[in-house]
Amino acid sequence: MKPLTAEWVEKAEGDFVTARRERYARNSPNYNAVCFHTQQMAEKYIKAFLQEHEEAIPRTHDLVDLLNICLPFEPKFIDIETDIKSLNGYAIGVRYPGQTIYKEEAVEALHHAIIVRKFFREIFNLTTD
């Protein structure tokens, strides 16, 4: 794995840890943060993949657009399309008034994030604890 790819992966893992921690927080869990960080984790893993393949990394938060860039390199990306689509809307809206996330939605987002994370960790030959 290239050094810059490893940095993307490390940042993705940081988002995953934050999302999981907030999901299971006993006092005042931030469900908005769960969803935001699951989206960020997916975005950073996709960008890690692009980095590893020496592709230009577009300045976008749109996971579907990013996924479509990856498909020619790895057709198996279609396996996580549903999960990616479910996380796609959490990049911006949850950070501002007007969208509130409740526990059920945060649980679902984390479920999709776990699937996406496992997919990428397998792609990069990393352990999937």
C-alpha atoms as a PDB file:
ATOM      1  CA  MET A   1       0.000   0.000   0.000  1.00  0.00           C
ATOM      2  CA  LYS A   2       1.314   3.429  -0.932  1.00  0.00           C
ATOM      3  CA  PRO A   3       1.961   5.855   1.946  1.00  0.00           C
ATOM      4  CA  LEU A   4      -0.733   8.325   0.881  1.00  0.00           C
ATOM      5  CA  THR A   5      -3.227   5.482   0.509  1.00  0.00           C
ATOM      6  CA  ALA A   6      -2.390   4.411   4.061  1.00  0.00           C
ATOM      7  CA  GLU A   7      -3.112   7.945   5.269  1.00  0.00           C
ATOM      8  CA  TRP A   8      -6.541   7.871   3.617  1.00  0.00           C
ATOM      9  CA  VAL A   9      -7.223   4.499   5.267  1.00  0.00           C
ATOM     10  CA  GLU A  10      -6.112   5.812   8.658  1.00  0.00           C
ATOM     11  CA  LYS A  11      -8.458   8.789   8.357  1.00  0.00           C
ATOM     12  CA  ALA A  12     -11.302   6.499   7.263  1.00  0.00           C
ATOM     13  CA  GLU A  13     -10.697   4.335  10.322  1.00  0.00           C
ATOM     14  CA  GLY A  14     -10.789   7.429  12.536  1.00  0.00           C
ATOM     15  CA  ASP A  15     -14.219   8.267  11.181  1.00  0.00           C
ATOM     16  CA  PHE A  16     -15.393   4.701  11.738  1.00  0.00           C
ATOM     17  CA  VAL A  17     -14.181   4.721  15.344  1.00  0.00           C
ATOM     18  CA  THR A  18     -15.935   8.044  15.963  1.00  0.00           C
ATOM     19  CA  ALA A  19     -19.191   6.821  14.421  1.00  0.00           C
ATOM     20  CA  ARG A  20     -19.143   3.636  16.473  1.00  0.00           C
ATOM     21  CA  ARG A  21     -18.257   5.474  19.680  1.00  0.00           C
ATOM     22  CA  GLU A  22     -21.145   7.922  19.234  1.00  0.00           C
ATOM     23  CA  ARG A  23     -23.572   5.129  18.376  1.00  0.00           C
ATOM     24  CA  TYR A  24     -22.801   3.368  21.663  1.00  0.00           C
ATOM     25  CA  ALA A  25     -22.325   6.439  23.856  1.00  0.00           C
ATOM     26  CA  ARG A  26     -24.263   6.084  27.107  1.00  0.00           C
ATOM     27  CA  ASN A  27     -24.664   9.799  27.712  1.00  0.00           C
ATOM     28  CA  SER A  28     -25.921  12.122  24.999  1.00  0.00           C
ATOM     29  CA  PRO A  29     -25.087  10.087  21.887  1.00  0.00           C
ATOM     30  CA  ASN A  30     -24.796  12.269  18.795  1.00  0.00           C
ATOM     31  CA  TYR A  31     -26.691  10.353  16.123  1.00  0.00           C
ATOM     32  CA  ASN A  32     -26.088  13.110  13.575  1.00  0.00           C
ATOM     33  CA  ALA A  33     -22.353  12.523  14.063  1.00  0.00           C
ATOM     34  CA  VAL A  34     -22.809   8.770  13.605  1.00  0.00           C
ATOM     35  CA  CYS A  35     -24.285   9.298  10.161  1.00  0.00           C
ATOM     36  CA  PHE A  36     -21.840  12.032   9.153  1.00  0.00           C
ATOM     37  CA  HIS A  37     -18.826   9.943  10.117  1.00  0.00           C
ATOM     38  CA  THR A  38     -20.140   6.814   8.392  1.00  0.00           C
ATOM     39  CA  GLN A  39     -20.410   8.814   5.168  1.00  0.00           C
ATOM     40  CA  GLN A  40     -16.947  10.262   5.718  1.00  0.00           C
ATOM     41  CA  MET A  41     -15.503   6.807   6.324  1.00  0.00           C
ATOM     42  CA  ALA A  42     -16.936   5.528   3.047  1.00  0.00           C
ATOM     43  CA  GLU A  43     -15.720   8.603   1.158  1.00  0.00           C
ATOM     44  CA  LYS A  44     -12.181   8.248   2.486  1.00  0.00           C
ATOM     45  CA  TYR A  45     -12.009   4.540   1.731  1.00  0.00           C
ATOM     46  CA  ILE A  46     -13.131   5.190  -1.848  1.00  0.00           C
ATOM     47  CA  LYS A  47     -10.553   7.954  -2.174  1.00  0.00           C
ATOM     48  CA  ALA A  48      -7.912   5.604  -0.758  1.00  0.00           C
ATOM     49  CA  PHE A  49      -8.776   3.156  -3.520  1.00  0.00           C
ATOM     50  CA  LEU A  50      -8.460   5.885  -6.149  1.00  0.00           C
ATOM     51  CA  GLN A  51      -5.159   7.000  -4.625  1.00  0.00           C
ATOM     52  CA  GLU A  52      -3.819   3.457  -4.719  1.00  0.00           C
ATOM     53  CA  HIS A  53      -4.730   3.256  -8.418  1.00  0.00           C
ATOM     54  CA  GLU A  54      -3.132   6.645  -9.116  1.00  0.00           C
ATOM     55  CA  GLU A  55      -6.406   8.165 -10.218  1.00  0.00           C
ATOM     56  CA  ALA A  56      -7.288  11.807  -9.757  1.00  0.00           C
ATOM     57  CA  ILE A  57      -9.358  12.285  -6.619  1.00  0.00           C
ATOM     58  CA  PRO A  58     -12.259  14.600  -7.340  1.00  0.00           C
ATOM     59  CA  ARG A  59     -13.287  17.188  -4.766  1.00  0.00           C
ATOM     60  CA  THR A  60     -16.723  15.782  -4.150  1.00  0.00           C
ATOM     61  CA  HIS A  61     -18.618  14.199  -1.300  1.00  0.00           C
ATOM     62  CA  ASP A  62     -20.944  12.297  -3.651  1.00  0.00           C
ATOM     63  CA  LEU A  63     -20.304   8.642  -2.896  1.00  0.00           C
ATOM     64  CA  VAL A  64     -22.238   7.411  -5.929  1.00  0.00           C
ATOM     65  CA  ASP A  65     -20.126   9.511  -8.294  1.00  0.00           C
ATOM     66  CA  LEU A  66     -16.967   8.253  -6.581  1.00  0.00           C
ATOM     67  CA  LEU A  67     -18.167   4.656  -6.739  1.00  0.00           C
ATOM     68  CA  ASN A  68     -18.809   4.987 -10.474  1.00  0.00           C
ATOM     69  CA  ILE A  69     -15.199   6.078 -10.980  1.00  0.00           C
ATOM     70  CA  CYS A  70     -14.043   2.903  -9.213  1.00  0.00           C
ATOM     71  CA  LEU A  71     -16.205   0.410 -11.095  1.00  0.00           C
ATOM     72  CA  PRO A  72     -13.920   0.079 -14.151  1.00  0.00           C
ATOM     73  CA  PHE A  73     -11.052  -0.912 -11.825  1.00  0.00           C
ATOM     74  CA  GLU A  74     -13.048  -3.322  -9.695  1.00  0.00           C
ATOM     75  CA  PRO A  75     -16.470  -4.589 -10.813  1.00  0.00           C
ATOM     76  CA  LYS A  76     -17.091  -5.981  -7.294  1.00  0.00           C
ATOM     77  CA  PHE A  77     -17.855  -2.403  -6.208  1.00  0.00           C
ATOM     78  CA  ILE A  78     -21.394  -3.070  -7.397  1.00  0.00           C
ATOM     79  CA  ASP A  79     -21.734  -5.309  -4.322  1.00  0.00           C
ATOM     80  CA  ILE A  80     -21.701  -2.265  -2.017  1.00  0.00           C
ATOM     81  CA  GLU A  81     -23.753   0.069  -4.206  1.00  0.00           C
ATOM     82  CA  THR A  82     -26.844  -0.139  -1.968  1.00  0.00           C
ATOM     83  CA  ASP A  83     -24.770   0.573   1.141  1.00  0.00           C
ATOM     84  CA  ILE A  84     -23.011   3.487  -0.551  1.00  0.00           C
ATOM     85  CA  LYS A  85     -26.309   4.971  -1.680  1.00  0.00           C
ATOM     86  CA  SER A  86     -27.703   4.734   1.836  1.00  0.00           C
ATOM     87  CA  LEU A  87     -24.737   6.698   3.265  1.00  0.00           C
ATOM     88  CA  ASN A  88     -24.557   9.231   0.449  1.00  0.00           C
ATOM     89  CA  GLY A  89     -26.940  11.802   1.922  1.00  0.00           C
ATOM     90  CA  TYR A  90     -25.092  12.254   5.193  1.00  0.00           C
ATOM     91  CA  ALA A  91     -22.204  14.399   3.943  1.00  0.00           C
ATOM     92  CA  ILE A  92     -23.801  17.792   4.360  1.00  0.00           C
ATOM     93  CA  GLY A  93     -27.365  17.882   5.639  1.00  0.00           C
ATOM     94  CA  VAL A  94     -26.740  16.383   9.060  1.00  0.00           C
ATOM     95  CA  ARG A  95     -24.275  19.151   9.881  1.00  0.00           C
ATOM     96  CA  TYR A  96     -26.898  21.895   9.693  1.00  0.00           C
ATOM     97  CA  PRO A  97     -30.348  22.635  11.109  1.00  0.00           C
ATOM     98  CA  GLY A  98     -33.238  21.013   9.296  1.00  0.00           C
ATOM     99  CA  GLN A  99     -32.161  17.381   9.433  1.00  0.00           C
ATOM    100  CA  THR A 100     -32.155  15.405  12.655  1.00  0.00           C
ATOM    101  CA  ILE A 101     -31.078  11.803  12.913  1.00  0.00           C
ATOM    102  CA  TYR A 102     -32.607   9.461  15.459  1.00  0.00           C
ATOM    103  CA  LYS A 103     -31.228   6.239  16.872  1.00  0.00           C
ATOM    104  CA  GLU A 104     -32.851   3.877  14.362  1.00  0.00           C
ATOM    105  CA  GLU A 105     -31.363   5.702  11.393  1.00  0.00           C
ATOM    106  CA  ALA A 106     -27.947   5.898  13.051  1.00  0.00           C
ATOM    107  CA  VAL A 107     -28.031   2.147  13.728  1.00  0.00           C
ATOM    108  CA  GLU A 108     -28.855   1.513  10.071  1.00  0.00           C
ATOM    109  CA  ALA A 109     -26.089   3.855   8.871  1.00  0.00           C
ATOM    110  CA  LEU A 110     -23.541   2.098  11.055  1.00  0.00           C
ATOM    111  CA  HIS A 111     -24.701  -1.263   9.696  1.00  0.00           C
ATOM    112  CA  HIS A 112     -24.062  -0.054   6.120  1.00  0.00           C
ATOM    113  CA  ALA A 113     -20.708   1.411   7.182  1.00  0.00           C
ATOM    114  CA  ILE A 114     -19.618  -1.936   8.628  1.00  0.00           C
ATOM    115  CA  ILE A 115     -20.339  -3.609   5.282  1.00  0.00           C
ATOM    116  CA  VAL A 116     -18.474  -0.912   3.333  1.00  0.00           C
ATOM    117  CA  ARG A 117     -15.525  -1.031   5.727  1.00  0.00           C
ATOM    118  CA  LYS A 118     -15.270  -4.827   5.471  1.00  0.00           C
ATOM    119  CA  PHE A 119     -15.339  -4.583   1.667  1.00  0.00           C
ATOM    120  CA  PHE A 120     -12.474  -2.082   1.558  1.00  0.00           C
ATOM    121  CA  ARG A 121     -10.392  -3.802   4.191  1.00  0.00           C
ATOM    122  CA  GLU A 122     -10.610  -6.955   2.082  1.00  0.00           C
ATOM    123  CA  ILE A 123      -9.679  -4.984  -1.053  1.00  0.00           C
ATOM    124  CA  PHE A 124      -6.604  -3.646   0.773  1.00  0.00           C
ATOM    125  CA  ASN A 125      -5.799  -7.016   2.410  1.00  0.00           C
ATOM    126  CA  LEU A 126      -6.233  -5.597   5.906  1.00  0.00           C
ATOM    127  CA  THR A 127      -7.670  -7.367   8.931  1.00  0.00           C
ATOM    128  CA  THR A 128     -11.409  -6.957   9.449  1.00  0.00           C
ATOM    129  CA  ASP A 129     -11.712  -7.092  13.251  1.00  0.00           C
END
